[in-house]
C-alpha atoms as a PDB file:
ATOM      1  CA  MET A   1      61.539  88.602 110.845  1.00  0.00           C
ATOM      2  CA  ARG A   2      61.846  87.129 107.353  1.00  0.00           C
ATOM      3  CA  LYS A   3      61.374  89.700 104.589  1.00  0.00           C
ATOM      4  CA  ILE A   4      59.056  89.201 101.622  1.00  0.00           C
ATOM      5  CA  ARG A   5      61.294  88.765  98.568  1.00  0.00           C
ATOM      6  CA  VAL A   6      60.005  90.667  95.513  1.00  0.00           C
ATOM      7  CA  LEU A   7      60.955  90.319  91.844  1.00  0.00           C
ATOM      8  CA  ILE A   8      59.961  93.268  89.652  1.00  0.00           C
ATOM      9  CA  VAL A   9      59.333  92.585  85.962  1.00  0.00           C
ATOM     10  CA  ASP A  10      58.903  95.718  83.857  1.00  0.00           C
ATOM     11  CA  ASP A  11      60.572  96.976  80.689  1.00  0.00           C
ATOM     12  CA  HIS A  12      60.450 100.588  81.891  1.00  0.00           C
ATOM     13  CA  THR A  13      63.675 100.761  83.879  1.00  0.00           C
ATOM     14  CA  VAL A  14      63.007 104.077  85.629  1.00  0.00           C
ATOM     15  CA  PHE A  15      59.625 102.814  86.867  1.00  0.00           C
ATOM     16  CA  ALA A  16      61.055  99.463  88.003  1.00  0.00           C
ATOM     17  CA  GLU A  17      63.941 101.091  89.865  1.00  0.00           C
ATOM     18  CA  SER A  18      61.590 103.608  91.520  1.00  0.00           C
ATOM     19  CA  LEU A  19      59.275 100.803  92.609  1.00  0.00           C
ATOM     20  CA  ALA A  20      62.269  98.916  94.001  1.00  0.00           C
ATOM     21  CA  LEU A  21      63.227 101.951  96.093  1.00  0.00           C
ATOM     22  CA  VAL A  22      59.721 102.136  97.575  1.00  0.00           C
ATOM     23  CA  ILE A  23      59.643  98.393  98.281  1.00  0.00           C
ATOM     24  CA  ASN A  24      63.052  98.497  99.941  1.00  0.00           C
ATOM     25  CA  LEU A  25      61.837 101.229 102.307  1.00  0.00           C
ATOM     26  CA  GLN A  26      59.372  98.733 103.779  1.00  0.00           C
ATOM     27  CA  ARG A  27      60.573  96.967 106.887  1.00  0.00           C
ATOM     28  CA  ASP A  28      59.196  93.600 105.816  1.00  0.00           C
ATOM     29  CA  MET A  29      60.019  93.629 102.069  1.00  0.00           C
ATOM     30  CA  GLU A  30      63.080  93.575  99.827  1.00  0.00           C
ATOM     31  CA  THR A  31      63.596  93.687  96.077  1.00  0.00           C
ATOM     32  CA  VAL A  32      65.661  90.683  95.006  1.00  0.00           C
ATOM     33  CA  GLY A  33      65.779  91.505  91.303  1.00  0.00           C
ATOM     34  CA  ILE A  34      64.520  93.468  88.329  1.00  0.00           C
ATOM     35  CA  ALA A  35      63.871  91.823  84.965  1.00  0.00           C
ATOM     36  CA  THR A  36      62.972  93.638  81.741  1.00  0.00           C
ATOM     37  CA  SER A  37      61.660  90.766  79.606  1.00  0.00           C
ATOM     38  CA  CYS A  38      59.761  87.490  79.881  1.00  0.00           C
ATOM     39  CA  ALA A  39      62.926  85.470  79.317  1.00  0.00           C
ATOM     40  CA  ALA A  40      64.794  87.396  82.010  1.00  0.00           C
ATOM     41  CA  ALA A  41      61.811  87.070  84.361  1.00  0.00           C
ATOM     42  CA  LEU A  42      61.694  83.293  84.026  1.00  0.00           C
ATOM     43  CA  GLU A  43      65.450  82.996  84.544  1.00  0.00           C
ATOM     44  CA  SER A  44      65.378  85.357  87.545  1.00  0.00           C
ATOM     45  CA  ALA A  45      62.372  83.639  89.135  1.00  0.00           C
ATOM     46  CA  GLY A  46      64.115  80.278  88.940  1.00  0.00           C
ATOM     47  CA  ARG A  47      67.411  81.582  90.255  1.00  0.00           C
ATOM     48  CA  LEU A  48      66.181  84.041  92.912  1.00  0.00           C
ATOM     49  CA  GLU A  49      63.053  82.189  94.114  1.00  0.00           C
ATOM     50  CA  PRO A  50      61.065  85.313  95.066  1.00  0.00           C
ATOM     51  CA  ASP A  51      57.949  85.178  97.214  1.00  0.00           C
ATOM     52  CA  VAL A  52      56.174  87.696  94.971  1.00  0.00           C
ATOM     53  CA  ALA A  53      56.621  88.827  91.370  1.00  0.00           C
ATOM     54  CA  LEU A  54      55.193  92.144  90.215  1.00  0.00           C
ATOM     55  CA  LEU A  55      54.602  91.661  86.494  1.00  0.00           C
ATOM     56  CA  ASP A  56      54.056  94.195  83.738  1.00  0.00           C
ATOM     57  CA  VAL A  57      51.369  92.912  81.387  1.00  0.00           C
ATOM     58  CA  ILE A  58      53.041  94.054  78.158  1.00  0.00           C
ATOM     59  CA  LEU A  59      56.717  93.128  77.737  1.00  0.00           C
ATOM     60  CA  PRO A  60      58.940  93.167  74.632  1.00  0.00           C
ATOM     61  CA  ASP A  61      58.907  89.386  74.217  1.00  0.00           C
ATOM     62  CA  GLY A  62      55.455  88.465  75.547  1.00  0.00           C
ATOM     63  CA  ASP A  63      53.293  89.348  78.503  1.00  0.00           C
ATOM     64  CA  GLY A  64      53.304  89.028  82.259  1.00  0.00           C
ATOM     65  CA  ILE A  65      50.347  86.661  82.219  1.00  0.00           C
ATOM     66  CA  ASP A  66      52.427  84.087  80.317  1.00  0.00           C
ATOM     67  CA  VAL A  67      55.230  84.526  82.848  1.00  0.00           C
ATOM     68  CA  ALA A  68      52.827  84.002  85.762  1.00  0.00           C
ATOM     69  CA  GLN A  69      51.475  80.815  84.178  1.00  0.00           C
ATOM     70  CA  ALA A  70      54.977  79.503  83.468  1.00  0.00           C
ATOM     71  CA  VAL A  71      56.177  80.128  87.010  1.00  0.00           C
END
C-alpha cells in the first residue's frame, strides 16, 4: 500500500514535531518534511512532492493561504 505523504508547515517546532509523530503512527501516512516558513514550504513542496500539506495560517514570512495558492 502506498502511504500518503504529508508536509507539515508550522513555525511552532514542538507542535510540528508532535504532529509528525502522530501522523507517522498511522499505517497509511508518513511525514516527508517539516517547514517553518512560507519560503521553506514552497521549496519543500517542490522538492518532496507531498500528497498533502498541513499549513499554519500565520507564518513569519506570510501565511499558509498564500502557500496553498502558490503550490
